[in-house]
C-alpha atoms as a PDB file:
ATOM      1  CA  MET A   1       0.692  -9.140  16.189  1.00  0.00           C
ATOM      2  CA  LYS A   2       1.872  -9.855  12.622  1.00  0.00           C
ATOM      3  CA  ALA A   3       2.530 -13.540  13.271  1.00  0.00           C
ATOM      4  CA  LEU A   4      -0.915 -13.939  14.801  1.00  0.00           C
ATOM      5  CA  TYR A   5      -2.509 -11.992  11.972  1.00  0.00           C
ATOM      6  CA  PHE A   6      -0.862 -14.187   9.328  1.00  0.00           C
ATOM      7  CA  ALA A   7      -1.868 -17.348  11.161  1.00  0.00           C
ATOM      8  CA  LEU A   8      -5.486 -16.212  11.227  1.00  0.00           C
ATOM      9  CA  VAL A   9      -5.432 -15.388   7.537  1.00  0.00           C
ATOM     10  CA  ILE A  10      -3.902 -18.549   6.116  1.00  0.00           C
ATOM     11  CA  GLY A  11      -5.155 -21.092   8.633  1.00  0.00           C
ATOM     12  CA  SER A  12      -3.888 -24.565   7.817  1.00  0.00           C
ATOM     13  CA  THR A  13      -2.160 -23.540   4.584  1.00  0.00           C
ATOM     14  CA  ALA A  14       1.045 -22.250   6.213  1.00  0.00           C
ATOM     15  CA  LEU A  15       4.149 -22.469   4.060  1.00  0.00           C
ATOM     16  CA  ALA A  16       5.906 -24.432   6.763  1.00  0.00           C
ATOM     17  CA  GLY A  17       3.665 -27.355   5.921  1.00  0.00           C
ATOM     18  CA  CYS A  18       4.593 -27.416   2.248  1.00  0.00           C
ATOM     19  CA  SER A  19       6.658 -30.169   0.703  1.00  0.00           C
ATOM     20  CA  SER A  20      10.207 -29.466  -0.485  1.00  0.00           C
ATOM     21  CA  SER A  21       9.616 -31.583  -3.579  1.00  0.00           C
ATOM     22  CA  SER A  22       7.374 -30.886  -6.533  1.00  0.00           C
ATOM     23  CA  ASP A  23       3.821 -32.237  -6.606  1.00  0.00           C
ATOM     24  CA  THR A  24       0.448 -31.021  -7.827  1.00  0.00           C
ATOM     25  CA  THR A  25      -0.901 -30.366  -4.334  1.00  0.00           C
ATOM     26  CA  THR A  26       1.692 -28.196  -2.608  1.00  0.00           C
ATOM     27  CA  GLY A  27       4.249 -27.405  -5.299  1.00  0.00           C
ATOM     28  CA  LYS A  28       7.960 -26.974  -4.635  1.00  0.00           C
ATOM     29  CA  ARG A  29       9.768 -24.412  -2.531  1.00  0.00           C
ATOM     30  CA  ILE A  30      11.031 -21.378  -4.396  1.00  0.00           C
ATOM     31  CA  VAL A  31      13.102 -18.300  -3.550  1.00  0.00           C
ATOM     32  CA  LEU A  32      11.435 -14.949  -4.210  1.00  0.00           C
ATOM     33  CA  ASP A  33      13.485 -11.775  -4.463  1.00  0.00           C
ATOM     34  CA  THR A  34      11.384  -8.711  -3.701  1.00  0.00           C
ATOM     35  CA  LYS A  35      11.222  -5.194  -5.114  1.00  0.00           C
ATOM     36  CA  ILE A  36       9.026  -2.167  -4.535  1.00  0.00           C
ATOM     37  CA  ALA A  37       8.405   0.643  -7.007  1.00  0.00           C
ATOM     38  CA  THR A  38       5.889   3.365  -7.857  1.00  0.00           C
ATOM     39  CA  ASP A  39       3.748   3.984 -10.914  1.00  0.00           C
ATOM     40  CA  PRO A  40       4.293   6.517 -12.298  1.00  0.00           C
ATOM     41  CA  PRO A  41       7.888   7.091 -11.151  1.00  0.00           C
ATOM     42  CA  ALA A  42       7.735   9.133  -7.956  1.00  0.00           C
ATOM     43  CA  THR A  43       9.406  12.140  -9.589  1.00  0.00           C
ATOM     44  CA  GLN A  44       6.854  12.275 -12.435  1.00  0.00           C
ATOM     45  CA  ALA A  45       3.928  14.651 -11.907  1.00  0.00           C
ATOM     46  CA  PHE A  46       0.373  13.326 -12.147  1.00  0.00           C
ATOM     47  CA  ALA A  47      -3.117  14.812 -11.901  1.00  0.00           C
ATOM     48  CA  ASN A  48      -5.957  13.815  -9.609  1.00  0.00           C
ATOM     49  CA  SER A  49      -9.724  13.917 -10.097  1.00  0.00           C
ATOM     50  CA  GLN A  50      -9.973  17.212  -8.189  1.00  0.00           C
ATOM     51  CA  GLY A  51      -7.903  19.048 -10.812  1.00  0.00           C
ATOM     52  CA  TRP A  52      -4.613  19.204  -8.889  1.00  0.00           C
ATOM     53  CA  SER A  53      -1.237  18.411 -10.455  1.00  0.00           C
ATOM     54  CA  ILE A  54       0.967  16.663  -7.896  1.00  0.00           C
ATOM     55  CA  SER A  55       4.763  16.444  -7.832  1.00  0.00           C
ATOM     56  CA  LEU A  56       6.442  14.441  -5.075  1.00  0.00           C
ATOM     57  CA  ARG A  57       9.952  14.763  -3.689  1.00  0.00           C
ATOM     58  CA  LYS A  58       9.682  12.257  -0.839  1.00  0.00           C
ATOM     59  CA  VAL A  59       7.906   8.906  -0.805  1.00  0.00           C
ATOM     60  CA  ALA A  60       9.156   7.131   2.318  1.00  0.00           C
ATOM     61  CA  LEU A  61       7.515   3.928   3.568  1.00  0.00           C
ATOM     62  CA  SER A  62       8.160   1.538   6.434  1.00  0.00           C
ATOM     63  CA  VAL A  63       7.269  -1.741   4.750  1.00  0.00           C
ATOM     64  CA  GLY A  64       6.248  -4.724   6.826  1.00  0.00           C
ATOM     65  CA  SER A  65       5.451  -8.263   5.727  1.00  0.00           C
ATOM     66  CA  LEU A  66       4.096  -9.214   2.311  1.00  0.00           C
ATOM     67  CA  TYR A  67       1.921 -12.307   1.738  1.00  0.00           C
ATOM     68  CA  TYR A  68       0.823 -13.940  -1.541  1.00  0.00           C
ATOM     69  CA  PHE A  69      -2.243 -16.118  -2.075  1.00  0.00           C
ATOM     70  CA  ASP A  70      -4.026 -18.107  -4.777  1.00  0.00           C
ATOM     71  CA  GLY A  71      -7.456 -16.663  -3.934  1.00  0.00           C
ATOM     72  CA  ALA A  72      -8.910 -14.237  -6.464  1.00  0.00           C
ATOM     73  CA  THR A  73      -9.404 -10.600  -5.586  1.00  0.00           C
ATOM     74  CA  ILE A  74     -13.200 -10.393  -5.516  1.00  0.00           C
ATOM     75  CA  PHE A  75     -13.531  -6.702  -4.852  1.00  0.00           C
ATOM     76  CA  SER A  76     -11.879  -4.051  -6.950  1.00  0.00           C
ATOM     77  CA  TYR A  77     -11.287  -0.471  -5.881  1.00  0.00           C
ATOM     78  CA  ALA A  78     -12.589   2.178  -8.188  1.00  0.00           C
ATOM     79  CA  ALA A  79     -12.255   5.881  -7.494  1.00  0.00           C
ATOM     80  CA  PRO A  80     -15.236   6.846  -5.362  1.00  0.00           C
ATOM     81  CA  LYS A  81     -17.947   8.837  -7.027  1.00  0.00           C
ATOM     82  CA  ARG A  82     -17.472  12.580  -7.038  1.00  0.00           C
ATOM     83  CA  LYS A  83     -18.666  13.689  -3.633  1.00  0.00           C
ATOM     84  CA  THR A  84     -21.833  15.690  -3.124  1.00  0.00           C
ATOM     85  CA  PRO A  85     -22.044  18.646  -0.698  1.00  0.00           C
ATOM     86  CA  LEU A  86     -23.724  16.306   1.808  1.00  0.00           C
ATOM     87  CA  ASP A  87     -20.828  13.847   1.478  1.00  0.00           C
ATOM     88  CA  ARG A  88     -18.383  16.646   2.236  1.00  0.00           C
ATOM     89  CA  ILE A  89     -20.342  17.769   5.304  1.00  0.00           C
ATOM     90  CA  GLU A  90     -20.419  14.187   6.618  1.00  0.00           C
ATOM     91  CA  GLU A  91     -16.702  13.836   5.965  1.00  0.00           C
ATOM     92  CA  PHE A  92     -15.960  17.087   7.790  1.00  0.00           C
ATOM     93  CA  LEU A  93     -17.970  15.813  10.756  1.00  0.00           C
ATOM     94  CA  GLY A  94     -16.018  12.570  10.743  1.00  0.00           C
ATOM     95  CA  ILE A  95     -18.851  10.385   9.446  1.00  0.00           C
ATOM     96  CA  GLY A  96     -17.415   7.539   7.390  1.00  0.00           C
ATOM     97  CA  ILE A  97     -18.612   7.097   3.826  1.00  0.00           C
ATOM     98  CA  ALA A  98     -18.853   3.437   2.844  1.00  0.00           C
ATOM     99  CA  TYR A  99     -18.484   2.331  -0.749  1.00  0.00           C
ATOM    100  CA  ALA A 100     -20.016  -1.015  -1.622  1.00  0.00           C
ATOM    101  CA  HIS A 101     -18.004  -3.819  -3.165  1.00  0.00           C
ATOM    102  CA  PRO A 102     -19.289  -7.094  -4.594  1.00  0.00           C
ATOM    103  CA  GLY A 103     -18.584 -10.203  -2.568  1.00  0.00           C
ATOM    104  CA  HIS A 104     -16.057 -10.941   0.138  1.00  0.00           C
ATOM    105  CA  TYR A 105     -12.335 -11.535  -0.325  1.00  0.00           C
ATOM    106  CA  ILE A 106     -11.144 -15.047   0.536  1.00  0.00           C
ATOM    107  CA  PRO A 107      -7.323 -15.338   0.428  1.00  0.00           C
ATOM    108  CA  GLY A 108      -7.218 -19.084  -0.216  1.00  0.00           C
ATOM    109  CA  ASN A 109      -3.890 -20.906   0.015  1.00  0.00           C
ATOM    110  CA  ALA A 110      -0.672 -19.140   0.978  1.00  0.00           C
ATOM    111  CA  LYS A 111       1.840 -19.185  -1.882  1.00  0.00           C
ATOM    112  CA  GLY A 112       4.623 -16.922  -0.637  1.00  0.00           C
ATOM    113  CA  GLN A 113       5.811 -14.311   1.805  1.00  0.00           C
ATOM    114  CA  MET A 114       8.432 -11.706   2.631  1.00  0.00           C
ATOM    115  CA  LEU A 115       8.669 -11.274   6.391  1.00  0.00           C
ATOM    116  CA  ASN A 116      11.526  -8.847   7.071  1.00  0.00           C
ATOM    117  CA  PRO A 117      10.534  -5.178   7.491  1.00  0.00           C
ATOM    118  CA  SER A 118      12.537  -2.353   5.954  1.00  0.00           C
ATOM    119  CA  SER A 119      12.305   1.389   5.335  1.00  0.00           C
ATOM    120  CA  VAL A 120      12.548   2.792   1.805  1.00  0.00           C
ATOM    121  CA  ASP A 121      12.334   6.098  -0.066  1.00  0.00           C
ATOM    122  CA  LEU A 122      10.993   5.507  -3.569  1.00  0.00           C
ATOM    123  CA  VAL A 123      11.843   8.890  -5.071  1.00  0.00           C
ATOM    124  CA  GLY A 124      15.042   7.433  -6.507  1.00  0.00           C
ATOM    125  CA  GLY A 125      13.251   4.550  -8.215  1.00  0.00           C
ATOM    126  CA  ALA A 126      12.633   0.880  -7.442  1.00  0.00           C
ATOM    127  CA  VAL A 127      14.176  -0.477  -4.242  1.00  0.00           C
ATOM    128  CA  SER A 128      15.050  -4.063  -3.347  1.00  0.00           C
ATOM    129  CA  LEU A 129      13.412  -5.498  -0.237  1.00  0.00           C
ATOM    130  CA  PRO A 130      14.628  -8.553   1.715  1.00  0.00           C
ATOM    131  CA  VAL A 131      14.372 -11.935   0.013  1.00  0.00           C
ATOM    132  CA  GLY A 132      11.212 -13.956   0.560  1.00  0.00           C
ATOM    133  CA  ASP A 133      10.140 -17.505  -0.196  1.00  0.00           C
ATOM    134  CA  GLY A 134       7.168 -19.473  -1.378  1.00  0.00           C
ATOM    135  CA  VAL A 135       5.892 -22.513  -3.209  1.00  0.00           C
ATOM    136  CA  SER A 136       5.278 -22.937  -6.903  1.00  0.00           C
ATOM    137  CA  GLY A 137       1.754 -22.493  -8.217  1.00  0.00           C
ATOM    138  CA  ILE A 138      -0.858 -19.922  -9.172  1.00  0.00           C
ATOM    139  CA  VAL A 139      -0.996 -16.559  -7.380  1.00  0.00           C
ATOM    140  CA  ARG A 140      -3.860 -14.071  -7.668  1.00  0.00           C
ATOM    141  CA  SER A 141      -3.849 -11.753  -4.644  1.00  0.00           C
ATOM    142  CA  ALA A 142      -1.664 -10.392  -1.872  1.00  0.00           C
ATOM    143  CA  THR A 143      -1.534  -8.553   1.452  1.00  0.00           C
ATOM    144  CA  PHE A 144       0.687  -5.528   2.009  1.00  0.00           C
ATOM    145  CA  ALA A 145       1.541  -4.676   5.623  1.00  0.00           C
ATOM    146  CA  TYR A 146       3.102  -1.581   7.137  1.00  0.00           C
ATOM    147  CA  ASN A 147       5.513  -1.867  10.043  1.00  0.00           C
ATOM    148  CA  ALA A 148       6.289   0.606  12.817  1.00  0.00           C
ATOM    149  CA  PRO A 149       9.825   1.928  12.150  1.00  0.00           C
ATOM    150  CA  PRO A 150      12.628   0.847  14.512  1.00  0.00           C
ATOM    151  CA  THR A 151      13.720   3.024  17.399  1.00  0.00           C
ATOM    152  CA  GLY A 152      17.055   3.582  19.089  1.00  0.00           C
ATOM    153  CA  PRO A 153      20.318   3.299  17.096  1.00  0.00           C
ATOM    154  CA  GLN A 154      18.453   1.829  14.114  1.00  0.00           C
ATOM    155  CA  ALA A 155      15.843   4.602  14.049  1.00  0.00           C
ATOM    156  CA  SER A 156      14.492   5.448  10.634  1.00  0.00           C
ATOM    157  CA  ALA A 157      14.273   8.883   9.051  1.00  0.00           C
ATOM    158  CA  LEU A 158      10.525   8.212   9.126  1.00  0.00           C
ATOM    159  CA  GLY A 159      10.498   8.783  12.861  1.00  0.00           C
ATOM    160  CA  SER A 160       7.445   7.043  14.290  1.00  0.00           C
ATOM    161  CA  HIS A 161       5.480   7.215  11.025  1.00  0.00           C
ATOM    162  CA  VAL A 162       4.898   4.400   8.520  1.00  0.00           C
ATOM    163  CA  VAL A 163       4.607   6.775   5.546  1.00  0.00           C
ATOM    164  CA  VAL A 164       5.991  10.263   4.940  1.00  0.00           C
ATOM    165  CA  LEU A 165       5.140  12.101   1.721  1.00  0.00           C
ATOM    166  CA  GLU A 166       6.312  15.527   0.617  1.00  0.00           C
ATOM    167  CA  GLY A 167       5.545  17.425  -2.547  1.00  0.00           C
ATOM    168  CA  THR A 168       3.752  20.271  -4.255  1.00  0.00           C
ATOM    169  CA  ALA A 169       0.202  20.329  -5.583  1.00  0.00           C
ATOM    170  CA  THR A 170      -0.855  23.030  -8.037  1.00  0.00           C
ATOM    171  CA  LYS A 171      -4.152  24.048  -9.608  1.00  0.00           C
ATOM    172  CA  GLY A 172      -3.933  27.109 -11.813  1.00  0.00           C
ATOM    173  CA  SER A 173      -2.180  29.791  -9.776  1.00  0.00           C
ATOM    174  CA  ASP A 174      -2.890  28.013  -6.498  1.00  0.00           C
ATOM    175  CA  ALA A 175      -0.144  25.913  -4.903  1.00  0.00           C
ATOM    176  CA  ARG A 176       0.126  23.768  -1.793  1.00  0.00           C
ATOM    177  CA  ILE A 177       3.542  22.619  -0.551  1.00  0.00           C
ATOM    178  CA  PHE A 178       2.696  19.742   1.749  1.00  0.00           C
ATOM    179  CA  ARG A 179       4.008  17.050   4.040  1.00  0.00           C
ATOM    180  CA  ALA A 180       1.902  14.056   5.055  1.00  0.00           C
ATOM    181  CA  GLU A 181       2.845  11.951   8.076  1.00  0.00           C
ATOM    182  CA  ILE A 182       0.827   8.737   8.247  1.00  0.00           C
ATOM    183  CA  ASP A 183       0.949   6.561  11.357  1.00  0.00           C
ATOM    184  CA  GLU A 184       0.361   2.846  11.826  1.00  0.00           C
ATOM    185  CA  ALA A 185      -2.938   3.598  13.572  1.00  0.00           C
ATOM    186  CA  ASP A 186      -4.170   5.477  10.498  1.00  0.00           C
ATOM    187  CA  VAL A 187      -4.035   2.413   8.253  1.00  0.00           C
ATOM    188  CA  VAL A 188      -5.243  -0.396  10.528  1.00  0.00           C
ATOM    189  CA  ASN A 189      -7.971  -2.617   9.121  1.00  0.00           C
ATOM    190  CA  THR A 190     -10.908  -4.324  10.816  1.00  0.00           C
ATOM    191  CA  LYS A 191      -8.513  -6.927  12.273  1.00  0.00           C
ATOM    192  CA  ASN A 192      -6.546  -4.124  13.951  1.00  0.00           C
ATOM    193  CA  ALA A 193      -3.569  -4.848  11.690  1.00  0.00           C
ATOM    194  CA  ALA A 194      -1.779  -2.216   9.619  1.00  0.00           C
ATOM    195  CA  ALA A 195      -2.341  -4.273   6.496  1.00  0.00           C
ATOM    196  CA  ILE A 196      -4.024  -3.864   3.121  1.00  0.00           C
ATOM    197  CA  GLU A 197      -5.770  -7.114   2.183  1.00  0.00           C
ATOM    198  CA  GLY A 198      -6.991  -8.223  -1.212  1.00  0.00           C
ATOM    199  CA  CYS A 199      -4.340  -6.442  -3.261  1.00  0.00           C
ATOM    200  CA  PRO A 200      -4.269  -7.606  -6.885  1.00  0.00           C
ATOM    201  CA  PHE A 201      -1.458  -9.973  -7.845  1.00  0.00           C
ATOM    202  CA  THR A 202      -1.274 -10.274 -11.631  1.00  0.00           C
ATOM    203  CA  GLU A 203      -2.363 -13.884 -12.076  1.00  0.00           C
ATOM    204  CA  THR A 204       0.557 -16.090 -12.936  1.00  0.00           C
ATOM    205  CA  ASP A 205       1.992 -19.536 -12.314  1.00  0.00           C
ATOM    206  CA  MET A 206       5.148 -19.202 -10.233  1.00  0.00           C
ATOM    207  CA  GLU A 207       7.061 -22.168 -11.614  1.00  0.00           C
ATOM    208  CA  GLY A 208      10.442 -21.416 -10.066  1.00  0.00           C
ATOM    209  CA  ASP A 209      12.662 -18.876  -8.332  1.00  0.00           C
ATOM    210  CA  GLY A 210      11.752 -15.340  -9.345  1.00  0.00           C
ATOM    211  CA  VAL A 211      11.141 -11.734  -8.388  1.00  0.00           C
ATOM    212  CA  VAL A 212       7.991 -10.330  -6.813  1.00  0.00           C
ATOM    213  CA  THR A 213       7.483  -6.617  -7.465  1.00  0.00           C
ATOM    214  CA  VAL A 214       4.925  -4.552  -5.571  1.00  0.00           C
ATOM    215  CA  THR A 215       4.005  -1.344  -7.373  1.00  0.00           C
ATOM    216  CA  ILE A 216       2.505   1.559  -5.451  1.00  0.00           C
ATOM    217  CA  LYS A 217      -0.121   3.339  -7.573  1.00  0.00           C
ATOM    218  CA  LEU A 218       0.421   6.904  -6.377  1.00  0.00           C
ATOM    219  CA  PRO A 219      -2.419   8.459  -8.444  1.00  0.00           C
ATOM    220  CA  LEU A 220      -4.911   6.197  -6.628  1.00  0.00           C
ATOM    221  CA  TRP A 221      -3.590   7.336  -3.269  1.00  0.00           C
ATOM    222  CA  PHE A 222      -4.081  10.994  -4.171  1.00  0.00           C
ATOM    223  CA  ASP A 223      -7.082  10.736  -6.501  1.00  0.00           C
ATOM    224  CA  GLN A 224      -9.651  12.352  -4.174  1.00  0.00           C
ATOM    225  CA  VAL A 225      -7.344  14.661  -2.209  1.00  0.00           C
ATOM    226  CA  GLU A 226      -8.642  18.237  -2.045  1.00  0.00           C
ATOM    227  CA  PHE A 227      -5.507  20.255  -1.406  1.00  0.00           C
ATOM    228  CA  ASP A 228      -7.423  23.477  -0.806  1.00  0.00           C
ATOM    229  CA  SER A 229      -8.161  21.979   2.636  1.00  0.00           C
ATOM    230  CA  ILE A 230      -4.403  22.156   3.352  1.00  0.00           C
ATOM    231  CA  PRO A 231      -2.985  25.549   4.459  1.00  0.00           C
ATOM    232  CA  ALA A 232      -0.745  27.320   1.966  1.00  0.00           C
ATOM    233  CA  SER A 233       2.934  27.647   2.832  1.00  0.00           C
ATOM    234  CA  ALA A 234       4.002  31.098   3.995  1.00  0.00           C
ATOM    235  CA  ASP A 235       7.758  30.495   3.621  1.00  0.00           C
ATOM    236  CA  GLY A 236       8.179  27.890   0.882  1.00  0.00           C
ATOM    237  CA  ASN A 237       8.583  25.030   3.350  1.00  0.00           C
ATOM    238  CA  PRO A 238       6.209  22.045   3.405  1.00  0.00           C
ATOM    239  CA  VAL A 239       3.085  22.444   5.528  1.00  0.00           C
ATOM    240  CA  LEU A 240       2.114  19.397   7.576  1.00  0.00           C
ATOM    241  CA  MET A 241      -1.334  18.116   6.606  1.00  0.00           C
ATOM    242  CA  PRO A 242      -3.499  18.669   9.709  1.00  0.00           C
ATOM    243  CA  ALA A 243      -5.017  15.492  11.129  1.00  0.00           C
ATOM    244  CA  GLU A 244      -8.503  16.997  10.819  1.00  0.00           C
ATOM    245  CA  ALA A 245      -8.076  18.180   7.214  1.00  0.00           C
ATOM    246  CA  ILE A 246     -10.390  16.592   4.668  1.00  0.00           C
ATOM    247  CA  GLY A 247      -7.447  16.277   2.277  1.00  0.00           C
ATOM    248  CA  ARG A 248      -5.477  14.126   4.706  1.00  0.00           C
ATOM    249  CA  LYS A 249      -8.485  11.903   5.383  1.00  0.00           C
ATOM    250  CA  GLU A 250      -8.920  11.434   1.630  1.00  0.00           C
ATOM    251  CA  LEU A 251      -5.248  10.506   1.284  1.00  0.00           C
ATOM    252  CA  VAL A 252      -5.511   7.885   4.030  1.00  0.00           C
ATOM    253  CA  ARG A 253      -8.650   6.486   2.414  1.00  0.00           C
ATOM    254  CA  GLY A 254      -6.786   6.171  -0.886  1.00  0.00           C
ATOM    255  CA  MET A 255      -3.881   4.435   0.817  1.00  0.00           C
ATOM    256  CA  LYS A 256      -6.212   1.812   2.295  1.00  0.00           C
ATOM    257  CA  ALA A 257      -7.599   0.755  -1.107  1.00  0.00           C
ATOM    258  CA  GLY A 258      -6.270  -2.593  -2.312  1.00  0.00           C
ATOM    259  CA  ASP A 259      -5.790  -1.512  -5.922  1.00  0.00           C
ATOM    260  CA  GLY A 260      -3.154   0.966  -4.780  1.00  0.00           C
ATOM    261  CA  TYR A 261      -0.751  -1.965  -4.329  1.00  0.00           C
ATOM    262  CA  VAL A 262      -0.277  -4.151  -7.418  1.00  0.00           C
ATOM    263  CA  PHE A 263       1.905  -7.261  -7.239  1.00  0.00           C
ATOM    264  CA  SER A 264       3.551  -9.114 -10.085  1.00  0.00           C
ATOM    265  CA  TYR A 265       5.985 -12.020 -10.562  1.00  0.00           C
ATOM    266  CA  SER A 266       8.776 -12.510 -13.072  1.00  0.00           C
ATOM    267  CA  GLU A 267      11.203 -15.381 -13.509  1.00  0.00           C
ATOM    268  CA  LYS A 268      14.864 -14.816 -12.791  1.00  0.00           C
END
C-alpha cells in the first residue's frame, strides 16, 4: 500500500528519475541521515489547554516511510477553538467536528525519502532512523507515515499498535495515570493510508549530504485531551484509554494534525 500511495502522491517526480549529476532542474543525489525527536523532551512535563499537566514515561512509535517535497504547506494546524457544550455532545455521539483550513496542500516535486520502517521509544531522547536519500534543492513540506509493527521473531514491544503512550496527567489534586494504544486504523487519512500529509519542513536548500530530523510536537498531540474522561487508576497502574473516551478521540485528532510533525535539515 505504501509504494502505491507514494506513487500517487509524487506522480512523475519520482526520485528514481533524477539525474546523478548536478543541474538546475533535478539537482544531484544526496544521502540523508534521519533522526526523530520530541519537543519538549519526552521526560519534560507540559501543560495542555484543558489545564492538565502531562508527564510521559513511554513514547513508543512504529515509524514508517518519510517523504520530503518542495511544495509549500498551505494549511497550518492551530489548536481548535475551545469546544462548546454542543461540540462536546456531538463528539460524544461520534459526530466529527471539521475545522476549516485555507487552500489545498499540493506536495509538488519529491526531494527525498526514508523508506525503511523502525520502532522507537523517544523517552530516552532523539533516536536515529535508517538512512534515506534525496536530491539537492528546496524543501518545504513532508509526509510522515506510520507502519504496522512486525510480527513473529521480530515482534515489537508495541504489539500490534503504531503508537503507545504512557504517563500521568494532573490537574490540582486530580490525577490520571494513563496508557494510550493507537492502531494503524486510527490514523488513516482520506487515501486510506496511515500517513500525515502536509507536515511543515523548515524551508531550506539541501545542497549536499545532511541530516533530516523529524520533531514530534507532543503538546499539540495532547492539547485538547480532557483526562477527566479517562478512569482514575485504582492501583497506581496505567489505565488504558477506552476507545469511546472523548480524551482518546481528542488525542487521535491531535496526532493527525500536520503541525505535530516538524521536519528540518542540517548539513553534515
